[in-house]
């Protein structure tokens, strides 16, 4: 599952720059002054360590080094040892949590929803992007010289997505066509498109479109940054998807509330304007900060994921069912 480069920031902090506005209710603590850090605690070496799964992106070795710095920072405030480890995809992170080898994991919205449905994983924090909002959307990218002006012009054409089990690189851009009424939720190839490719990542999909192998690419909104500077002016977005909650930190069911709350306090307190805090945020995929997550933040994208069979019980994320 999710073999592509991490959506949030595949090439480092400099690329987390294009994410736009948040839906109402997403990340209630996204803006405003950050809360104070909790007091530091002596590390109880006899207590079980807190184990965190960090998803790999373009450079797994760098993620491993970054995770060590984050672990050392967190344990000063948590009172227990913190051990970080790197997974190559979200499926591995979910399995580690299912097998009690991970207490926390950084995942994307689809991976979280599946983990919540399957084993009761809890959302802790949403990542905040450069505009101060914990959301993103996907785009349908085409070359400007393609002559394509609207979605209907892609009938009988080809498109590249990132990965089949992928929120930003498949489900959300595919839903653009379903919402427009030109594609059903059940079929994708042969009904509207002549050919559909799953390229393995945002960059691969964008390259397929840019180099003329496909007519379009359906990937995240900032995948344009994966092209060279002079190439970016040669592509455009025909349409954008609904917004989704950002990538997030989730907790295993049964993790002590006191410990989970303290993790939230420490990360919510990180202030991008503070150089020391920024150094930690840079190690956390270059995010701008964190906002508290709620199950209801995922209601709309759960309905999208359910329409393609990835989520079985979207009602788990509805306001009447979900708990803060």
Protein backbone atom coordinates (compact mmCIF):
# COMPACT_ATOMS: atom_id res chain seq x y z
CA UNK A 1 0.00 0.00 0.00
CA UNK A 2 1.18 3.53 -0.77
CA UNK A 3 4.51 2.85 -2.43
CA UNK A 4 4.81 6.37 -3.81
CA UNK A 5 6.86 9.13 -2.23
CA UNK A 6 5.20 10.69 0.74
CA UNK A 7 2.57 13.16 -0.46
CA UNK A 8 3.21 15.80 2.18
CA UNK A 9 6.73 16.78 1.31
CA UNK A 10 8.64 14.28 -0.85
CA UNK A 11 11.75 16.36 -1.46
CA UNK A 12 12.14 18.22 1.82
CA UNK A 13 10.79 21.34 3.60
CA UNK A 14 11.17 23.66 0.62
CA UNK A 15 8.35 21.97 -1.25
CA UNK A 16 5.65 22.30 1.38
CA UNK A 17 4.49 25.56 -0.15
CA UNK A 18 1.33 25.27 -2.20
CA UNK A 19 -1.40 23.83 -0.02
CA UNK A 20 -4.51 25.96 0.16
CA UNK A 21 -7.61 26.55 2.24
CA UNK A 22 -9.22 24.32 4.85
CA UNK A 23 -12.80 23.08 4.98
CA UNK A 24 -14.88 24.35 7.86
CA UNK A 25 -14.10 22.50 11.07
CA UNK A 26 -10.81 20.93 9.95
CA UNK A 27 -8.11 21.41 12.55
CA UNK A 28 -9.74 23.79 14.98
CA UNK A 29 -6.36 24.77 16.45
CA UNK A 30 -4.70 25.40 13.09
CA UNK A 31 -4.33 29.14 13.49
CA UNK A 32 -3.42 31.48 16.29
CA UNK A 33 -0.88 31.46 19.09
CA UNK A 34 0.62 28.10 19.96
CA UNK A 35 -0.03 26.67 23.44
CA UNK A 36 2.86 26.43 25.91
CA UNK A 37 5.04 23.33 26.10
CA UNK A 38 4.46 20.99 29.05
CA UNK A 39 7.23 20.77 31.67
CA UNK A 40 10.14 18.45 30.97
CA UNK A 41 10.23 15.09 32.73
CA UNK A 42 12.99 12.73 33.74
CA UNK A 43 13.01 9.66 31.49
CA UNK A 44 11.86 6.49 33.22
CA UNK A 45 14.20 3.92 31.67
CA UNK A 46 12.16 1.06 33.14
CA UNK A 47 8.98 2.11 31.34
CA UNK A 48 8.13 0.66 27.94
CA UNK A 49 9.37 2.94 25.15
CA UNK A 50 7.00 4.86 22.90
CA UNK A 51 7.48 3.51 19.36
CA UNK A 52 6.78 5.77 16.38
CA UNK A 53 6.58 4.69 12.73
CA UNK A 54 7.90 7.36 10.34
CA UNK A 55 6.98 6.94 6.68
CA UNK A 56 9.88 7.05 4.24
CA UNK A 57 9.97 9.50 1.37
CA UNK A 58 12.68 10.22 -1.25
CA UNK A 59 15.58 9.60 1.16
CA UNK A 60 14.95 6.88 3.79
CA UNK A 61 18.36 7.47 5.38
CA UNK A 62 17.51 11.11 5.97
CA UNK A 63 14.17 10.15 7.49
CA UNK A 64 15.96 7.77 9.83
CA UNK A 65 18.33 10.53 10.95
CA UNK A 66 15.46 12.98 11.37
CA UNK A 67 13.44 10.47 13.38
CA UNK A 68 16.31 10.13 15.86
CA UNK A 69 16.28 13.87 16.46
CA UNK A 70 12.52 13.92 16.90
CA UNK A 71 12.64 10.97 19.32
CA UNK A 72 15.28 12.66 21.49
CA UNK A 73 13.23 15.84 21.57
CA UNK A 74 9.96 14.16 22.50
CA UNK A 75 11.31 12.00 25.30
CA UNK A 76 12.45 15.08 27.21
CA UNK A 77 8.77 15.94 27.68
CA UNK A 78 7.15 12.50 27.81
CA UNK A 79 9.07 10.85 30.64
CA UNK A 80 9.61 7.64 28.63
CA UNK A 81 12.11 6.58 25.99
CA UNK A 82 11.00 7.23 22.41
CA UNK A 83 12.07 4.93 19.60
CA UNK A 84 11.51 5.86 15.98
CA UNK A 85 11.70 3.54 12.99
CA UNK A 86 11.15 3.99 9.26
CA UNK A 87 8.57 2.18 7.14
CA UNK A 88 8.60 2.20 3.34
CA UNK A 89 4.83 2.46 2.96
CA UNK A 90 1.66 3.09 4.94
CA UNK A 91 0.62 -0.55 4.86
CA UNK A 92 3.74 -1.43 6.84
CA UNK A 93 2.94 1.26 9.38
CA UNK A 94 -0.59 -0.09 9.81
CA UNK A 95 0.69 -3.63 10.22
CA UNK A 96 3.26 -2.51 12.79
CA UNK A 97 0.48 -0.88 14.78
CA UNK A 98 -1.79 -3.91 14.38
CA UNK A 99 1.01 -6.14 15.71
CA UNK A 100 1.70 -3.82 18.68
CA UNK A 101 5.08 -2.78 17.28
CA UNK A 102 4.09 0.86 16.81
CA UNK A 103 2.26 3.15 19.23
CA UNK A 104 2.11 6.12 16.86
CA UNK A 105 2.42 6.41 13.08
CA UNK A 106 2.55 9.20 10.51
CA UNK A 107 0.09 8.30 7.72
CA UNK A 108 -2.13 9.81 5.06
CA UNK A 109 -5.93 10.17 5.41
CA UNK A 110 -6.80 6.98 3.55
CA UNK A 111 -4.38 4.86 5.59
CA UNK A 112 -5.76 6.35 8.79
CA UNK A 113 -9.39 5.74 7.85
CA UNK A 114 -8.64 2.12 7.00
CA UNK A 115 -6.70 1.70 10.28
CA UNK A 116 -9.52 3.29 12.28
CA UNK A 117 -12.10 1.05 10.66
CA UNK A 118 -10.02 -2.11 11.02
CA UNK A 119 -8.60 -1.68 14.53
CA UNK A 120 -9.81 1.55 16.09
CA UNK A 121 -6.71 3.70 15.49
CA UNK A 122 -7.23 7.24 16.79
CA UNK A 123 -6.37 10.54 15.04
CA UNK A 124 -4.17 12.79 17.15
CA UNK A 125 -2.80 15.63 15.05
CA UNK A 126 -3.12 17.00 11.53
CA UNK A 127 -0.11 18.52 9.82
CA UNK A 128 -0.34 22.24 9.08
CA UNK A 129 0.98 23.48 5.77
CA UNK A 130 2.43 26.82 4.73
CA UNK A 131 -0.88 28.72 4.63
CA UNK A 132 -1.67 27.68 8.20
CA UNK A 133 -4.35 25.20 7.12
CA UNK A 134 -4.24 21.40 7.63
CA UNK A 135 -5.68 20.44 4.23
CA UNK A 136 -4.72 19.71 0.64
CA UNK A 137 -6.36 18.89 -2.67
CA UNK A 138 -5.47 17.15 -5.92
CA UNK A 139 -5.43 18.40 -9.51
CA UNK A 140 -5.92 17.13 -13.04
CA UNK A 141 -2.73 18.30 -14.76
CA UNK A 142 -2.26 18.68 -18.53
CA UNK A 143 0.23 20.40 -20.81
CA UNK A 144 -0.79 23.90 -21.86
CA UNK A 145 -0.07 23.05 -25.50
CA UNK A 146 -2.31 19.95 -25.40
CA UNK A 147 -5.40 21.80 -26.57
CA UNK A 148 -7.34 20.32 -23.63
CA UNK A 149 -9.58 22.95 -22.06
CA UNK A 150 -12.06 21.00 -19.91
CA UNK A 151 -12.54 17.58 -18.37
CA UNK A 152 -14.80 16.42 -21.20
CA UNK A 153 -11.89 16.88 -23.61
CA UNK A 154 -10.15 13.94 -21.93
CA UNK A 155 -12.72 11.44 -23.22
CA UNK A 156 -10.85 8.71 -25.09
CA UNK A 157 -7.53 10.03 -23.79
CA UNK A 158 -5.05 8.61 -21.27
CA UNK A 159 -4.26 9.56 -17.68
CA UNK A 160 -1.59 8.66 -15.13
CA UNK A 161 -2.32 8.35 -11.42
CA UNK A 162 0.28 7.77 -8.71
CA UNK A 163 -0.87 4.52 -7.09
CA UNK A 164 -4.12 2.60 -6.99
CA UNK A 165 -4.49 2.70 -3.18
CA UNK A 166 -3.75 6.37 -2.79
CA UNK A 167 -5.81 9.31 -1.57
CA UNK A 168 -4.15 12.26 -3.30
CA UNK A 169 -2.78 10.35 -6.28
CA UNK A 170 -5.88 8.38 -7.28
CA UNK A 171 -9.11 8.59 -5.27
CA UNK A 172 -9.41 12.37 -5.06
CA UNK A 173 -8.48 13.13 -8.69
CA UNK A 174 -10.60 10.22 -9.92
CA UNK A 175 -13.52 11.62 -7.93
CA UNK A 176 -13.20 14.86 -9.92
CA UNK A 177 -14.44 12.97 -12.99
CA UNK A 178 -17.13 11.10 -11.06
CA UNK A 179 -18.43 14.33 -9.53
CA UNK A 180 -18.52 15.92 -12.98
CA UNK A 181 -20.71 13.05 -14.20
CA UNK A 182 -18.36 11.81 -16.91
CA UNK A 183 -17.16 8.69 -15.06
CA UNK A 184 -18.86 6.16 -12.83
CA UNK A 185 -17.42 5.09 -9.51
CA UNK A 186 -17.32 1.46 -10.62
CA UNK A 187 -15.20 1.59 -13.76
CA UNK A 188 -12.39 3.81 -14.95
CA UNK A 189 -10.74 2.35 -18.03
CA UNK A 190 -12.64 1.90 -21.29
CA UNK A 191 -15.67 3.88 -20.10
CA UNK A 192 -14.21 7.39 -20.38
CA UNK A 193 -10.44 7.02 -20.64
CA UNK A 194 -8.79 4.97 -23.34
CA UNK A 195 -5.88 4.08 -21.05
CA UNK A 196 -5.16 4.44 -17.33
CA UNK A 197 -1.72 4.06 -15.78
CA UNK A 198 -0.58 3.83 -12.18
CA UNK A 199 2.88 5.32 -12.40
CA UNK A 200 4.12 4.59 -8.87
CA UNK A 201 4.40 8.17 -7.60
CA UNK A 202 3.48 11.80 -8.16
CA UNK A 203 6.71 12.61 -9.99
CA UNK A 204 6.38 9.61 -12.31
CA UNK A 205 2.78 10.56 -13.14
CA UNK A 206 3.73 14.18 -13.82
CA UNK A 207 6.63 13.07 -16.02
CA UNK A 208 4.34 10.74 -17.98
CA UNK A 209 2.04 13.68 -18.70
CA UNK A 210 4.78 16.22 -19.37
CA UNK A 211 6.69 13.93 -21.74
CA UNK A 212 3.56 13.03 -23.69
CA UNK A 213 3.26 9.41 -22.59
CA UNK A 214 -0.19 10.25 -21.19
CA UNK A 215 -2.53 13.16 -21.84
CA UNK A 216 -3.12 14.00 -18.17
CA UNK A 217 -1.95 13.31 -14.63
CA UNK A 218 -4.18 13.09 -11.56
CA UNK A 219 -2.03 13.82 -8.51
CA UNK A 220 -1.59 16.26 -5.63
CA UNK A 221 -1.81 20.00 -6.16
CA UNK A 222 1.82 20.73 -5.50
CA UNK A 223 3.21 17.93 -7.70
CA UNK A 224 3.99 20.72 -10.14
CA UNK A 225 7.04 21.39 -7.97
CA UNK A 226 8.40 18.00 -8.99
CA UNK A 227 8.98 19.43 -12.47
CA UNK A 228 11.93 21.67 -13.22
CA UNK A 229 11.36 25.41 -12.94
CA UNK A 230 11.19 26.06 -16.67
CA UNK A 231 8.78 23.13 -17.12
CA UNK A 232 6.20 24.35 -14.64
CA UNK A 233 5.02 27.14 -16.93
CA UNK A 234 4.15 24.53 -19.54
CA UNK A 235 1.47 22.74 -17.49
CA UNK A 236 -1.90 23.72 -16.04
CA UNK A 237 -4.64 22.29 -13.83
CA UNK A 238 -7.91 21.59 -15.62
CA UNK A 239 -9.76 20.97 -12.34
CA UNK A 240 -9.20 20.48 -8.61
CA UNK A 241 -10.64 17.96 -6.20
CA UNK A 242 -12.46 18.44 -2.93
CA UNK A 243 -10.20 19.24 0.00
CA UNK A 244 -8.97 16.56 2.34
CA UNK A 245 -7.57 16.68 5.85
CA UNK A 246 -3.80 16.65 5.74
CA UNK A 247 -1.47 13.83 6.65
CA UNK A 248 -1.65 13.06 10.32
CA UNK A 249 -0.28 11.36 13.40
CA UNK A 250 -2.43 8.45 14.56
CA UNK A 251 -2.28 6.40 17.77
CA UNK A 252 -2.91 2.73 18.39
CA UNK A 253 -6.02 1.78 20.34
CA UNK A 254 -5.18 1.33 23.99
CA UNK A 255 -2.35 3.85 24.13
CA UNK A 256 -2.60 5.55 27.52
CA UNK A 257 -4.63 8.75 27.26
CA UNK A 258 -2.18 10.64 29.45
CA UNK A 259 0.73 9.77 27.16
CA UNK A 260 -1.22 10.48 23.98
CA UNK A 261 -2.35 13.85 25.37
CA UNK A 262 1.19 14.76 26.30
CA UNK A 263 2.42 13.97 22.78
CA UNK A 264 -0.29 16.28 21.47
CA UNK A 265 0.73 19.04 23.88
CA UNK A 266 4.38 18.85 22.86
CA UNK A 267 3.74 18.91 19.11
CA UNK A 268 0.94 21.49 19.24
CA UNK A 269 3.33 23.82 21.05
CA UNK A 270 5.91 23.83 18.24
CA UNK A 271 6.10 27.35 16.80
CA UNK A 272 7.57 27.81 13.32
CA UNK A 273 8.71 31.31 14.33
CA UNK A 274 10.97 29.84 17.01
CA UNK A 275 14.27 28.68 15.41
CA UNK A 276 14.65 25.74 17.80
CA UNK A 277 11.08 24.60 17.13
CA UNK A 278 11.54 25.08 13.38
CA UNK A 279 14.51 22.71 13.50
CA UNK A 280 12.21 20.03 14.89
CA UNK A 281 9.43 20.80 12.40
CA UNK A 282 11.95 20.52 9.58
CA UNK A 283 12.68 16.98 10.77
CA UNK A 284 8.94 16.29 10.78
CA UNK A 285 8.68 16.46 6.98
CA UNK A 286 9.01 20.23 6.94
CA UNK A 287 5.50 20.94 8.24
CA UNK A 288 4.57 24.33 9.68
CA UNK A 289 2.97 22.94 12.84
CA UNK A 290 0.10 20.76 14.03
CA UNK A 291 -3.63 21.03 14.68
CA UNK A 292 -5.74 18.71 16.79
CA UNK A 293 -7.53 16.10 14.67
CA UNK A 294 -11.13 14.91 14.99
CA UNK A 295 -12.85 11.96 13.37
CA UNK A 296 -15.38 14.29 11.78
CA UNK A 297 -12.57 15.99 9.84
CA UNK A 298 -12.56 12.87 7.64
CA UNK A 299 -16.27 12.65 6.94
CA UNK A 300 -16.23 13.87 3.34
CA UNK A 301 -13.14 11.94 2.23
CA UNK A 302 -14.50 8.81 3.95
CA UNK A 303 -17.52 8.99 1.66
CA UNK A 304 -15.21 9.27 -1.35
CA UNK A 305 -13.08 6.33 -0.18
CA UNK A 306 -16.23 4.30 0.48
CA UNK A 307 -17.45 4.83 -3.07
CA UNK A 308 -14.36 2.96 -4.27
CA UNK A 309 -14.53 0.23 -1.64
CA UNK A 310 -11.56 1.28 0.50
CA UNK A 311 -13.68 2.33 3.47
CA UNK A 312 -16.59 0.07 4.46
CA UNK A 313 -18.23 2.18 7.17
CA UNK A 314 -18.03 5.89 6.33
CA UNK A 315 -20.62 6.54 9.02
CA UNK A 316 -17.86 6.02 11.59
CA UNK A 317 -16.64 9.49 10.65
CA UNK A 318 -20.04 11.21 10.65
CA UNK A 319 -20.86 13.77 13.31
CA UNK A 320 -23.51 11.60 14.97
CA UNK A 321 -21.07 8.70 15.39
CA UNK A 322 -17.63 10.22 15.75
CA UNK A 323 -16.25 11.37 19.07
CA UNK A 324 -13.76 14.22 19.43
